[in-house]
């Protein structure tokens, strides 16, 4: 299952926001803090996210195509996928992929997508 949004910003800018762990608490409604050796995630990056209830959960980046897509496991469970598709020089489509069993999490992803849109379109 997925949710998508069109953003009036370059796919490069949106991608940078997606892979910058310092930005995750700004756009991720369920993430309040991140601990990761890599500020900008890459294939195999590992760390911990603190969720809104205050729990620290381990994560690992399992699928990474630079500039295009990344997905992760949280607590060793496949979680969301994140995809950016260039539509024009200053327009792209941001897609969040959610496993069927986590369908209710689509609402959280819609909020995240709107936040990324605000961050990247405001400069």
PDB file of N, CA and C in Angstrom:
ATOM      1  N   UNK A   1       0.847  -1.163   0.000  1.00  0.00           N
ATOM      2  CA  UNK A   1       0.000   0.000   0.000  1.00  0.00           C
ATOM      3  C   UNK A   1       0.896   1.231   0.000  1.00  0.00           C
ATOM      4  N   UNK A   2       0.391   2.309  -0.619  1.00  0.00           N
ATOM      5  CA  UNK A   2       1.203   3.508  -0.655  1.00  0.00           C
ATOM      6  C   UNK A   2       0.364   4.772  -0.640  1.00  0.00           C
ATOM      7  N   UNK A   3       1.032   5.866  -0.263  1.00  0.00           N
ATOM      8  CA  UNK A   3       0.462   7.197  -0.330  1.00  0.00           C
ATOM      9  C   UNK A   3       1.502   8.073  -1.008  1.00  0.00           C
ATOM     10  N   UNK A   4       1.039   9.036  -1.806  1.00  0.00           N
ATOM     11  CA  UNK A   4       1.968   9.868  -2.571  1.00  0.00           C
ATOM     12  C   UNK A   4       1.507  11.321  -2.567  1.00  0.00           C
ATOM     13  N   UNK A   5       2.465  12.205  -2.844  1.00  0.00           N
ATOM     14  CA  UNK A   5       2.181  13.630  -2.928  1.00  0.00           C
ATOM     15  C   UNK A   5       3.107  14.235  -3.978  1.00  0.00           C
ATOM     16  N   UNK A   6       2.618  15.220  -4.705  1.00  0.00           N
ATOM     17  CA  UNK A   6       3.429  15.957  -5.671  1.00  0.00           C
ATOM     18  C   UNK A   6       4.028  17.161  -4.943  1.00  0.00           C
ATOM     19  N   UNK A   7       5.319  17.362  -5.134  1.00  0.00           N
ATOM     20  CA  UNK A   7       6.032  18.438  -4.455  1.00  0.00           C
ATOM     21  C   UNK A   7       6.706  19.339  -5.486  1.00  0.00           C
ATOM     22  N   UNK A   8       6.542  20.650  -5.314  1.00  0.00           N
ATOM     23  CA  UNK A   8       7.158  21.632  -6.209  1.00  0.00           C
ATOM     24  C   UNK A   8       8.580  21.933  -5.729  1.00  0.00           C
ATOM     25  N   UNK A   9       9.426  20.927  -5.823  1.00  0.00           N
ATOM     26  CA  UNK A   9      10.840  21.037  -5.461  1.00  0.00           C
ATOM     27  C   UNK A   9      11.581  19.937  -6.215  1.00  0.00           C
ATOM     28  N   UNK A  10      12.877  20.094  -6.337  1.00  0.00           N
ATOM     29  CA  UNK A  10      13.651  19.092  -7.069  1.00  0.00           C
ATOM     30  C   UNK A  10      13.657  17.760  -6.320  1.00  0.00           C
ATOM     31  N   UNK A  11      13.761  16.687  -7.067  1.00  0.00           N
ATOM     32  CA  UNK A  11      13.837  15.367  -6.442  1.00  0.00           C
ATOM     33  C   UNK A  11      15.102  15.271  -5.588  1.00  0.00           C
ATOM     34  N   UNK A  12      16.162  15.961  -5.974  1.00  0.00           N
ATOM     35  CA  UNK A  12      17.417  15.952  -5.199  1.00  0.00           C
ATOM     36  C   UNK A  12      17.186  16.550  -3.813  1.00  0.00           C
ATOM     37  N   UNK A  13      16.486  17.677  -3.734  1.00  0.00           N
ATOM     38  CA  UNK A  13      16.216  18.309  -2.445  1.00  0.00           C
ATOM     39  C   UNK A  13      15.343  17.415  -1.563  1.00  0.00           C
ATOM     40  N   UNK A  14      14.291  16.851  -2.127  1.00  0.00           N
ATOM     41  CA  UNK A  14      13.404  15.973  -1.358  1.00  0.00           C
ATOM     42  C   UNK A  14      14.174  14.746  -0.885  1.00  0.00           C
ATOM     43  N   UNK A  15      15.007  14.184  -1.748  1.00  0.00           N
ATOM     44  CA  UNK A  15      15.825  13.034  -1.376  1.00  0.00           C
ATOM     45  C   UNK A  15      16.732  13.367  -0.191  1.00  0.00           C
ATOM     46  N   UNK A  16      17.372  14.532  -0.230  1.00  0.00           N
ATOM     47  CA  UNK A  16      18.269  14.926   0.857  1.00  0.00           C
ATOM     48  C   UNK A  16      17.533  15.012   2.188  1.00  0.00           C
ATOM     49  N   UNK A  17      16.306  15.519   2.178  1.00  0.00           N
ATOM     50  CA  UNK A  17      15.504  15.591   3.399  1.00  0.00           C
ATOM     51  C   UNK A  17      15.166  14.184   3.890  1.00  0.00           C
ATOM     52  N   UNK A  18      14.878  13.278   2.964  1.00  0.00           N
ATOM     53  CA  UNK A  18      14.523  11.903   3.325  1.00  0.00           C
ATOM     54  C   UNK A  18      15.673  11.124   3.952  1.00  0.00           C
ATOM     55  N   UNK A  19      16.894  11.377   3.499  1.00  0.00           N
ATOM     56  CA  UNK A  19      18.019  10.575   3.989  1.00  0.00           C
ATOM     57  C   UNK A  19      18.799  11.246   5.118  1.00  0.00           C
ATOM     58  N   UNK A  20      18.465  12.486   5.457  1.00  0.00           N
ATOM     59  CA  UNK A  20      19.151  13.223   6.518  1.00  0.00           C
ATOM     60  C   UNK A  20      18.494  12.897   7.859  1.00  0.00           C
ATOM     61  N   UNK A  21      19.169  12.114   8.692  1.00  0.00           N
ATOM     62  CA  UNK A  21      18.575  11.702   9.965  1.00  0.00           C
ATOM     63  C   UNK A  21      18.302  12.894  10.893  1.00  0.00           C
ATOM     64  N   UNK A  22      18.999  14.011  10.681  1.00  0.00           N
ATOM     65  CA  UNK A  22      18.723  15.206  11.483  1.00  0.00           C
ATOM     66  C   UNK A  22      17.354  15.802  11.140  1.00  0.00           C
ATOM     67  N   UNK A  23      16.845  15.502   9.951  1.00  0.00           N
ATOM     68  CA  UNK A  23      15.535  16.015   9.518  1.00  0.00           C
ATOM     69  C   UNK A  23      14.371  15.110   9.932  1.00  0.00           C
ATOM     70  N   UNK A  24      14.640  13.854  10.228  1.00  0.00           N
ATOM     71  CA  UNK A  24      13.547  12.915  10.499  1.00  0.00           C
ATOM     72  C   UNK A  24      12.565  13.402  11.562  1.00  0.00           C
ATOM     73  N   UNK A  25      13.022  13.963  12.691  1.00  0.00           N
ATOM     74  CA  UNK A  25      12.042  14.439  13.678  1.00  0.00           C
ATOM     75  C   UNK A  25      11.192  15.610  13.175  1.00  0.00           C
ATOM     76  N   UNK A  26      11.687  16.357  12.198  1.00  0.00           N
ATOM     77  CA  UNK A  26      10.913  17.477  11.639  1.00  0.00           C
ATOM     78  C   UNK A  26       9.734  16.993  10.815  1.00  0.00           C
ATOM     79  N   UNK A  27       9.919  15.893  10.108  1.00  0.00           N
ATOM     80  CA  UNK A  27       8.830  15.443   9.235  1.00  0.00           C
ATOM     81  C   UNK A  27       8.173  14.143   9.679  1.00  0.00           C
ATOM     82  N   UNK A  28       8.818  13.370  10.513  1.00  0.00           N
ATOM     83  CA  UNK A  28       8.262  12.086  10.938  1.00  0.00           C
ATOM     84  C   UNK A  28       7.405  12.223  12.189  1.00  0.00           C
ATOM     85  N   UNK A  29       6.097  12.112  12.085  1.00  0.00           N
ATOM     86  CA  UNK A  29       5.230  12.275  13.256  1.00  0.00           C
ATOM     87  C   UNK A  29       5.512  11.290  14.388  1.00  0.00           C
ATOM     88  N   UNK A  30       6.071  10.129  14.070  1.00  0.00           N
ATOM     89  CA  UNK A  30       6.304   9.117  15.105  1.00  0.00           C
ATOM     90  C   UNK A  30       7.756   9.089  15.587  1.00  0.00           C
ATOM     91  N   UNK A  31       8.613   9.999  15.080  1.00  0.00           N
ATOM     92  CA  UNK A  31      10.031  10.026  15.430  1.00  0.00           C
ATOM     93  C   UNK A  31      10.361  11.327  16.156  1.00  0.00           C
ATOM     94  N   UNK A  32      10.927  11.205  17.356  1.00  0.00           N
ATOM     95  CA  UNK A  32      11.304  12.412  18.096  1.00  0.00           C
ATOM     96  C   UNK A  32      12.815  12.623  18.152  1.00  0.00           C
ATOM     97  N   UNK A  33      13.580  11.555  17.910  1.00  0.00           N
ATOM     98  CA  UNK A  33      15.037  11.661  17.954  1.00  0.00           C
ATOM     99  C   UNK A  33      15.639  10.478  17.208  1.00  0.00           C
ATOM    100  N   UNK A  34      16.844  10.681  16.678  1.00  0.00           N
ATOM    101  CA  UNK A  34      17.535   9.622  15.933  1.00  0.00           C
ATOM    102  C   UNK A  34      18.985   9.537  16.405  1.00  0.00           C
ATOM    103  N   UNK A  35      19.447   8.322  16.588  1.00  0.00           N
ATOM    104  CA  UNK A  35      20.863   8.059  16.843  1.00  0.00           C
ATOM    105  C   UNK A  35      21.359   7.151  15.726  1.00  0.00           C
ATOM    106  N   UNK A  36      22.280   7.679  14.945  1.00  0.00           N
ATOM    107  CA  UNK A  36      22.822   6.915  13.818  1.00  0.00           C
ATOM    108  C   UNK A  36      24.226   7.427  13.527  1.00  0.00           C
ATOM    109  N   UNK A  37      25.128   6.526  13.275  1.00  0.00           N
ATOM    110  CA  UNK A  37      26.501   6.904  12.936  1.00  0.00           C
ATOM    111  C   UNK A  37      26.520   7.750  11.662  1.00  0.00           C
ATOM    112  N   UNK A  38      25.623   7.453  10.734  1.00  0.00           N
ATOM    113  CA  UNK A  38      25.556   8.169   9.461  1.00  0.00           C
ATOM    114  C   UNK A  38      24.471   9.239   9.522  1.00  0.00           C
ATOM    115  N   UNK A  39      24.870  10.497   9.377  1.00  0.00           N
ATOM    116  CA  UNK A  39      23.837  11.542   9.317  1.00  0.00           C
ATOM    117  C   UNK A  39      22.959  11.303   8.090  1.00  0.00           C
ATOM    118  N   UNK A  40      23.599  11.022   6.957  1.00  0.00           N
ATOM    119  CA  UNK A  40      22.870  10.727   5.719  1.00  0.00           C
ATOM    120  C   UNK A  40      22.922   9.218   5.517  1.00  0.00           C
ATOM    121  N   UNK A  41      21.759   8.584   5.644  1.00  0.00           N
ATOM    122  CA  UNK A  41      21.722   7.130   5.578  1.00  0.00           C
ATOM    123  C   UNK A  41      22.193   6.620   4.229  1.00  0.00           C
ATOM    124  N   UNK A  42      22.615   5.380   4.241  1.00  0.00           N
ATOM    125  CA  UNK A  42      23.025   4.663   3.039  1.00  0.00           C
ATOM    126  C   UNK A  42      22.693   3.191   3.266  1.00  0.00           C
ATOM    127  N   UNK A  43      22.961   2.391   2.287  1.00  0.00           N
ATOM    128  CA  UNK A  43      22.693   0.970   2.434  1.00  0.00           C
ATOM    129  C   UNK A  43      23.437   0.418   3.647  1.00  0.00           C
ATOM    130  N   UNK A  44      22.708  -0.268   4.523  1.00  0.00           N
ATOM    131  CA  UNK A  44      23.312  -0.872   5.696  1.00  0.00           C
ATOM    132  C   UNK A  44      23.402   0.026   6.912  1.00  0.00           C
ATOM    133  N   UNK A  45      23.023   1.297   6.789  1.00  0.00           N
ATOM    134  CA  UNK A  45      23.058   2.179   7.966  1.00  0.00           C
ATOM    135  C   UNK A  45      22.202   1.577   9.074  1.00  0.00           C
ATOM    136  N   UNK A  46      22.689   1.714  10.295  1.00  0.00           N
ATOM    137  CA  UNK A  46      21.960   1.206  11.462  1.00  0.00           C
ATOM    138  C   UNK A  46      21.916   2.294  12.519  1.00  0.00           C
ATOM    139  N   UNK A  47      20.900   2.218  13.354  1.00  0.00           N
ATOM    140  CA  UNK A  47      20.790   3.171  14.437  1.00  0.00           C
ATOM    141  C   UNK A  47      19.563   2.887  15.269  1.00  0.00           C
ATOM    142  N   UNK A  48      19.098   3.923  15.963  1.00  0.00           N
ATOM    143  CA  UNK A  48      17.905   3.826  16.796  1.00  0.00           C
ATOM    144  C   UNK A  48      17.063   5.076  16.603  1.00  0.00           C
ATOM    145  N   UNK A  49      15.755   4.909  16.610  1.00  0.00           N
ATOM    146  CA  UNK A  49      14.832   6.034  16.600  1.00  0.00           C
ATOM    147  C   UNK A  49      14.056   6.023  17.906  1.00  0.00           C
ATOM    148  N   UNK A  50      13.838   7.228  18.422  1.00  0.00           N
ATOM    149  CA  UNK A  50      12.974   7.332  19.596  1.00  0.00           C
ATOM    150  C   UNK A  50      11.595   7.720  19.088  1.00  0.00           C
ATOM    151  N   UNK A  51      10.615   6.940  19.475  1.00  0.00           N
ATOM    152  CA  UNK A  51       9.249   7.157  19.019  1.00  0.00           C
ATOM    153  C   UNK A  51       8.525   8.128  19.955  1.00  0.00           C
ATOM    154  N   UNK A  52       7.371   8.604  19.511  1.00  0.00           N
ATOM    155  CA  UNK A  52       6.613   9.556  20.320  1.00  0.00           C
ATOM    156  C   UNK A  52       6.280   9.021  21.713  1.00  0.00           C
ATOM    157  N   UNK A  53       6.057   7.716  21.901  1.00  0.00           N
ATOM    158  CA  UNK A  53       5.856   7.244  23.282  1.00  0.00           C
ATOM    159  C   UNK A  53       7.143   7.220  24.116  1.00  0.00           C
ATOM    160  N   UNK A  54       8.298   7.489  23.474  1.00  0.00           N
ATOM    161  CA  UNK A  54       9.562   7.519  24.199  1.00  0.00           C
ATOM    162  C   UNK A  54      10.400   6.261  24.087  1.00  0.00           C
ATOM    163  N   UNK A  55       9.937   5.276  23.334  1.00  0.00           N
ATOM    164  CA  UNK A  55      10.688   4.026  23.165  1.00  0.00           C
ATOM    165  C   UNK A  55      11.793   4.203  22.124  1.00  0.00           C
ATOM    166  N   UNK A  56      12.965   3.651  22.417  1.00  0.00           N
ATOM    167  CA  UNK A  56      14.058   3.614  21.447  1.00  0.00           C
ATOM    168  C   UNK A  56      13.979   2.289  20.704  1.00  0.00           C
ATOM    169  N   UNK A  57      13.892   2.347  19.379  1.00  0.00           N
ATOM    170  CA  UNK A  57      13.781   1.145  18.553  1.00  0.00           C
ATOM    171  C   UNK A  57      14.941   1.075  17.562  1.00  0.00           C
ATOM    172  N   UNK A  58      15.552  -0.099  17.401  1.00  0.00           N
ATOM    173  CA  UNK A  58      16.643  -0.238  16.443  1.00  0.00           C
ATOM    174  C   UNK A  58      16.118  -0.278  15.006  1.00  0.00           C
ATOM    175  N   UNK A  59      16.925   0.287  14.098  1.00  0.00           N
ATOM    176  CA  UNK A  59      16.570   0.230  12.679  1.00  0.00           C
ATOM    177  C   UNK A  59      17.791  -0.114  11.843  1.00  0.00           C
ATOM    178  N   UNK A  60      17.507  -0.600  10.638  1.00  0.00           N
ATOM    179  CA  UNK A  60      18.550  -0.882   9.650  1.00  0.00           C
ATOM    180  C   UNK A  60      18.003  -0.568   8.267  1.00  0.00           C
ATOM    181  N   UNK A  61      18.792   0.138   7.463  1.00  0.00           N
ATOM    182  CA  UNK A  61      18.407   0.433   6.081  1.00  0.00           C
ATOM    183  C   UNK A  61      18.702  -0.821   5.255  1.00  0.00           C
ATOM    184  N   UNK A  62      17.655  -1.362   4.604  1.00  0.00           N
ATOM    185  CA  UNK A  62      17.812  -2.651   3.923  1.00  0.00           C
ATOM    186  C   UNK A  62      17.755  -2.550   2.403  1.00  0.00           C
ATOM    187  N   UNK A  63      17.179  -1.508   1.877  1.00  0.00           N
ATOM    188  CA  UNK A  63      17.064  -1.352   0.427  1.00  0.00           C
ATOM    189  C   UNK A  63      17.369   0.102   0.134  1.00  0.00           C
ATOM    190  N   UNK A  64      18.426   0.358  -0.630  1.00  0.00           N
ATOM    191  CA  UNK A  64      18.851   1.733  -0.855  1.00  0.00           C
ATOM    192  C   UNK A  64      19.292   1.894  -2.293  1.00  0.00           C
ATOM    193  N   UNK A  65      18.559   2.709  -3.038  1.00  0.00           N
ATOM    194  CA  UNK A  65      18.930   3.070  -4.404  1.00  0.00           C
ATOM    195  C   UNK A  65      19.129   4.582  -4.381  1.00  0.00           C
ATOM    196  N   UNK A  66      20.382   5.050  -4.426  1.00  0.00           N
ATOM    197  CA  UNK A  66      20.664   6.475  -4.271  1.00  0.00           C
ATOM    198  C   UNK A  66      19.809   7.372  -5.173  1.00  0.00           C
ATOM    199  N   UNK A  67      19.226   8.395  -4.543  1.00  0.00           N
ATOM    200  CA  UNK A  67      18.406   9.355  -5.273  1.00  0.00           C
ATOM    201  C   UNK A  67      17.021   8.876  -5.625  1.00  0.00           C
ATOM    202  N   UNK A  68      16.706   7.627  -5.307  1.00  0.00           N
ATOM    203  CA  UNK A  68      15.441   7.040  -5.746  1.00  0.00           C
ATOM    204  C   UNK A  68      14.589   6.455  -4.627  1.00  0.00           C
ATOM    205  N   UNK A  69      15.187   5.547  -3.827  1.00  0.00           N
ATOM    206  CA  UNK A  69      14.367   4.761  -2.901  1.00  0.00           C
ATOM    207  C   UNK A  69      15.187   4.252  -1.727  1.00  0.00           C
ATOM    208  N   UNK A  70      14.547   4.202  -0.558  1.00  0.00           N
ATOM    209  CA  UNK A  70      15.122   3.474   0.572  1.00  0.00           C
ATOM    210  C   UNK A  70      13.995   2.902   1.410  1.00  0.00           C
ATOM    211  N   UNK A  71      14.305   1.795   2.044  1.00  0.00           N
ATOM    212  CA  UNK A  71      13.362   1.186   2.990  1.00  0.00           C
ATOM    213  C   UNK A  71      14.175   0.662   4.157  1.00  0.00           C
ATOM    214  N   UNK A  72      13.464   0.313   5.192  1.00  0.00           N
ATOM    215  CA  UNK A  72      14.144  -0.091   6.415  1.00  0.00           C
ATOM    216  C   UNK A  72      13.388  -1.137   7.173  1.00  0.00           C
ATOM    217  N   UNK A  73      14.116  -1.723   8.134  1.00  0.00           N
ATOM    218  CA  UNK A  73      13.519  -2.612   9.121  1.00  0.00           C
ATOM    219  C   UNK A  73      13.608  -1.869  10.452  1.00  0.00           C
ATOM    220  N   UNK A  74      12.534  -1.941  11.200  1.00  0.00           N
ATOM    221  CA  UNK A  74      12.519  -1.388  12.550  1.00  0.00           C
ATOM    222  C   UNK A  74      12.223  -2.563  13.476  1.00  0.00           C
ATOM    223  N   UNK A  75      13.093  -2.778  14.446  1.00  0.00           N
ATOM    224  CA  UNK A  75      13.008  -3.956  15.318  1.00  0.00           C
ATOM    225  C   UNK A  75      13.018  -5.249  14.496  1.00  0.00           C
ATOM    226  N   UNK A  76      13.804  -5.270  13.434  1.00  0.00           N
ATOM    227  CA  UNK A  76      13.939  -6.411  12.523  1.00  0.00           C
ATOM    228  C   UNK A  76      12.679  -6.724  11.729  1.00  0.00           C
ATOM    229  N   UNK A  77      11.707  -5.817  11.729  1.00  0.00           N
ATOM    230  CA  UNK A  77      10.452  -6.000  10.985  1.00  0.00           C
ATOM    231  C   UNK A  77      10.447  -5.042   9.795  1.00  0.00           C
ATOM    232  N   UNK A  78      10.200  -5.534   8.569  1.00  0.00           N
ATOM    233  CA  UNK A  78      10.124  -4.620   7.429  1.00  0.00           C
ATOM    234  C   UNK A  78       9.115  -3.506   7.694  1.00  0.00           C
ATOM    235  N   UNK A  79       9.577  -2.265   7.471  1.00  0.00           N
ATOM    236  CA  UNK A  79       8.729  -1.103   7.742  1.00  0.00           C
ATOM    237  C   UNK A  79       8.500  -0.328   6.444  1.00  0.00           C
ATOM    238  N   UNK A  80       8.396   0.973   6.542  1.00  0.00           N
ATOM    239  CA  UNK A  80       8.052   1.803   5.388  1.00  0.00           C
ATOM    240  C   UNK A  80       9.157   1.877   4.348  1.00  0.00           C
ATOM    241  N   UNK A  81       8.710   2.081   3.101  1.00  0.00           N
ATOM    242  CA  UNK A  81       9.594   2.390   1.995  1.00  0.00           C
ATOM    243  C   UNK A  81       9.398   3.855   1.645  1.00  0.00           C
ATOM    244  N   UNK A  82      10.423   4.483   1.099  1.00  0.00           N
ATOM    245  CA  UNK A  82      10.408   5.903   0.767  1.00  0.00           C
ATOM    246  C   UNK A  82      10.945   6.035  -0.655  1.00  0.00           C
ATOM    247  N   UNK A  83      10.173   6.668  -1.530  1.00  0.00           N
ATOM    248  CA  UNK A  83      10.556   6.745  -2.939  1.00  0.00           C
ATOM    249  C   UNK A  83      10.380   8.173  -3.451  1.00  0.00           C
ATOM    250  N   UNK A  84      11.310   8.625  -4.287  1.00  0.00           N
ATOM    251  CA  UNK A  84      11.214   9.931  -4.925  1.00  0.00           C
ATOM    252  C   UNK A  84      11.306   9.727  -6.431  1.00  0.00           C
ATOM    253  N   UNK A  85      10.340  10.310  -7.149  1.00  0.00           N
ATOM    254  CA  UNK A  85      10.305  10.199  -8.611  1.00  0.00           C
ATOM    255  C   UNK A  85      10.335  11.600  -9.204  1.00  0.00           C
ATOM    256  N   UNK A  86      11.362  11.899  -9.984  1.00  0.00           N
ATOM    257  CA  UNK A  86      11.460  13.206 -10.637  1.00  0.00           C
ATOM    258  C   UNK A  86      10.380  13.319 -11.707  1.00  0.00           C
ATOM    259  N   UNK A  87       9.666  14.442 -11.721  1.00  0.00           N
ATOM    260  CA  UNK A  87       8.648  14.695 -12.739  1.00  0.00           C
ATOM    261  C   UNK A  87       9.068  15.832 -13.665  1.00  0.00           C
ATOM    262  N   UNK A  88       9.816  16.782 -13.137  1.00  0.00           N
ATOM    263  CA  UNK A  88      10.334  17.944 -13.867  1.00  0.00           C
ATOM    264  C   UNK A  88      11.512  18.459 -13.046  1.00  0.00           C
ATOM    265  N   UNK A  89      12.266  19.439 -13.568  1.00  0.00           N
ATOM    266  CA  UNK A  89      13.409  19.923 -12.779  1.00  0.00           C
ATOM    267  C   UNK A  89      13.041  20.388 -11.360  1.00  0.00           C
ATOM    268  N   UNK A  90      11.902  20.982 -11.186  1.00  0.00           N
ATOM    269  CA  UNK A  90      11.482  21.467  -9.866  1.00  0.00           C
ATOM    270  C   UNK A  90      10.153  20.853  -9.439  1.00  0.00           C
ATOM    271  N   UNK A  91       9.972  19.582  -9.760  1.00  0.00           N
ATOM    272  CA  UNK A  91       8.749  18.884  -9.344  1.00  0.00           C
ATOM    273  C   UNK A  91       9.045  17.392  -9.237  1.00  0.00           C
ATOM    274  N   UNK A  92       8.532  16.800  -8.163  1.00  0.00           N
ATOM    275  CA  UNK A  92       8.714  15.368  -7.987  1.00  0.00           C
ATOM    276  C   UNK A  92       7.511  14.778  -7.260  1.00  0.00           C
ATOM    277  N   UNK A  93       7.486  13.488  -7.254  1.00  0.00           N
ATOM    278  CA  UNK A  93       6.447  12.733  -6.547  1.00  0.00           C
ATOM    279  C   UNK A  93       7.129  11.984  -5.409  1.00  0.00           C
ATOM    280  N   UNK A  94       6.630  12.189  -4.206  1.00  0.00           N
ATOM    281  CA  UNK A  94       7.135  11.496  -3.034  1.00  0.00           C
ATOM    282  C   UNK A  94       6.150  10.396  -2.674  1.00  0.00           C
ATOM    283  N   UNK A  95       6.664   9.190  -2.487  1.00  0.00           N
ATOM    284  CA  UNK A  95       5.817   8.036  -2.210  1.00  0.00           C
ATOM    285  C   UNK A  95       6.292   7.347  -0.933  1.00  0.00           C
ATOM    286  N   UNK A  96       5.348   7.046  -0.062  1.00  0.00           N
ATOM    287  CA  UNK A  96       5.618   6.219   1.107  1.00  0.00           C
ATOM    288  C   UNK A  96       4.929   4.885   0.886  1.00  0.00           C
ATOM    289  N   UNK A  97       5.665   3.799   1.071  1.00  0.00           N
ATOM    290  CA  UNK A  97       5.129   2.453   0.923  1.00  0.00           C
ATOM    291  C   UNK A  97       4.966   1.837   2.306  1.00  0.00           C
ATOM    292  N   UNK A  98       3.839   1.192   2.529  1.00  0.00           N
ATOM    293  CA  UNK A  98       3.528   0.607   3.837  1.00  0.00           C
ATOM    294  C   UNK A  98       3.084  -0.842   3.637  1.00  0.00           C
ATOM    295  N   UNK A  99       3.641  -1.778   4.409  1.00  0.00           N
ATOM    296  CA  UNK A  99       3.186  -3.170   4.312  1.00  0.00           C
ATOM    297  C   UNK A  99       1.691  -3.270   4.655  1.00  0.00           C
ATOM    298  N   UNK A 100       1.009  -4.202   4.028  1.00  0.00           N
ATOM    299  CA  UNK A 100      -0.428  -4.375   4.234  1.00  0.00           C
ATOM    300  C   UNK A 100      -0.796  -4.498   5.716  1.00  0.00           C
ATOM    301  N   UNK A 101       0.009  -5.225   6.474  1.00  0.00           N
ATOM    302  CA  UNK A 101      -0.289  -5.403   7.893  1.00  0.00           C
ATOM    303  C   UNK A 101      -0.203  -4.100   8.694  1.00  0.00           C
ATOM    304  N   UNK A 102       0.449  -3.097   8.125  1.00  0.00           N
ATOM    305  CA  UNK A 102       0.599  -1.810   8.815  1.00  0.00           C
ATOM    306  C   UNK A 102      -0.250  -0.729   8.154  1.00  0.00           C
ATOM    307  N   UNK A 103      -1.318  -1.119   7.480  1.00  0.00           N
ATOM    308  CA  UNK A 103      -2.164  -0.181   6.736  1.00  0.00           C
ATOM    309  C   UNK A 103      -2.561   1.069   7.518  1.00  0.00           C
ATOM    310  N   UNK A 104      -2.910   0.986   8.797  1.00  0.00           N
ATOM    311  CA  UNK A 104      -3.272   2.200   9.531  1.00  0.00           C
ATOM    312  C   UNK A 104      -2.139   3.232   9.588  1.00  0.00           C
ATOM    313  N   UNK A 105      -0.900   2.777   9.397  1.00  0.00           N
ATOM    314  CA  UNK A 105       0.243   3.687   9.429  1.00  0.00           C
ATOM    315  C   UNK A 105       0.263   4.619   8.217  1.00  0.00           C
ATOM    316  N   UNK A 106      -0.562   4.350   7.217  1.00  0.00           N
ATOM    317  CA  UNK A 106      -0.652   5.238   6.054  1.00  0.00           C
ATOM    318  C   UNK A 106      -1.009   6.662   6.463  1.00  0.00           C
ATOM    319  N   UNK A 107      -1.841   6.812   7.484  1.00  0.00           N
ATOM    320  CA  UNK A 107      -2.204   8.152   7.952  1.00  0.00           C
ATOM    321  C   UNK A 107      -0.965   8.901   8.438  1.00  0.00           C
ATOM    322  N   UNK A 108      -0.110   8.239   9.180  1.00  0.00           N
ATOM    323  CA  UNK A 108       1.134   8.845   9.657  1.00  0.00           C
ATOM    324  C   UNK A 108       2.003   9.243   8.459  1.00  0.00           C
ATOM    325  N   UNK A 109       2.045   8.389   7.455  1.00  0.00           N
ATOM    326  CA  UNK A 109       2.841   8.668   6.259  1.00  0.00           C
ATOM    327  C   UNK A 109       2.292   9.858   5.477  1.00  0.00           C
ATOM    328  N   UNK A 110       0.977  10.009   5.438  1.00  0.00           N
ATOM    329  CA  UNK A 110       0.369  11.163   4.763  1.00  0.00           C
ATOM    330  C   UNK A 110       0.785  12.457   5.460  1.00  0.00           C
ATOM    331  N   UNK A 111       0.796  12.438   6.778  1.00  0.00           N
ATOM    332  CA  UNK A 111       1.232  13.616   7.533  1.00  0.00           C
ATOM    333  C   UNK A 111       2.706  13.900   7.245  1.00  0.00           C
ATOM    334  N   UNK A 112       3.527  12.865   7.239  1.00  0.00           N
ATOM    335  CA  UNK A 112       4.952  13.016   6.948  1.00  0.00           C
ATOM    336  C   UNK A 112       5.155  13.612   5.556  1.00  0.00           C
ATOM    337  N   UNK A 113       4.417  13.125   4.578  1.00  0.00           N
ATOM    338  CA  UNK A 113       4.546  13.634   3.210  1.00  0.00           C
ATOM    339  C   UNK A 113       4.185  15.116   3.144  1.00  0.00           C
ATOM    340  N   UNK A 114       3.129  15.505   3.828  1.00  0.00           N
ATOM    341  CA  UNK A 114       2.736  16.930   3.838  1.00  0.00           C
ATOM    342  C   UNK A 114       3.811  17.782   4.511  1.00  0.00           C
ATOM    343  N   UNK A 115       4.417  17.263   5.566  1.00  0.00           N
ATOM    344  CA  UNK A 115       5.486  18.003   6.240  1.00  0.00           C
ATOM    345  C   UNK A 115       6.703  18.168   5.336  1.00  0.00           C
ATOM    346  N   UNK A 116       7.065  17.112   4.617  1.00  0.00           N
ATOM    347  CA  UNK A 116       8.199  17.203   3.688  1.00  0.00           C
ATOM    348  C   UNK A 116       7.889  18.206   2.590  1.00  0.00           C
ATOM    349  N   UNK A 117       6.671  18.215   2.123  1.00  0.00           N
ATOM    350  CA  UNK A 117       6.248  19.200   1.107  1.00  0.00           C
ATOM    351  C   UNK A 117       6.456  20.620   1.637  1.00  0.00           C
ATOM    352  N   UNK A 118       6.017  20.879   2.859  1.00  0.00           N
ATOM    353  CA  UNK A 118       6.177  22.206   3.464  1.00  0.00           C
ATOM    354  C   UNK A 118       7.655  22.567   3.626  1.00  0.00           C
ATOM    355  N   UNK A 119       8.455  21.624   4.104  1.00  0.00           N
ATOM    356  CA  UNK A 119       9.888  21.869   4.313  1.00  0.00           C
ATOM    357  C   UNK A 119      10.583  22.208   3.003  1.00  0.00           C
ATOM    358  N   UNK A 120      10.308  21.433   1.964  1.00  0.00           N
ATOM    359  CA  UNK A 120      11.059  21.583   0.706  1.00  0.00           C
ATOM    360  C   UNK A 120      10.515  22.700  -0.176  1.00  0.00           C
ATOM    361  N   UNK A 121       9.231  22.974  -0.109  1.00  0.00           N
ATOM    362  CA  UNK A 121       8.692  24.051  -0.948  1.00  0.00           C
ATOM    363  C   UNK A 121       8.936  25.427  -0.348  1.00  0.00           C
ATOM    364  N   UNK A 122       9.182  25.493   0.950  1.00  0.00           N
ATOM    365  CA  UNK A 122       9.405  26.795   1.595  1.00  0.00           C
ATOM    366  C   UNK A 122      10.861  27.246   1.502  1.00  0.00           C
ATOM    367  N   UNK A 123      11.691  26.369   0.960  1.00  0.00           N
ATOM    368  CA  UNK A 123      13.099  26.729   0.756  1.00  0.00           C
ATOM    369  C   UNK A 123      13.889  26.388   1.927  1.00  0.00           C
TER     370      UNK A 123
END
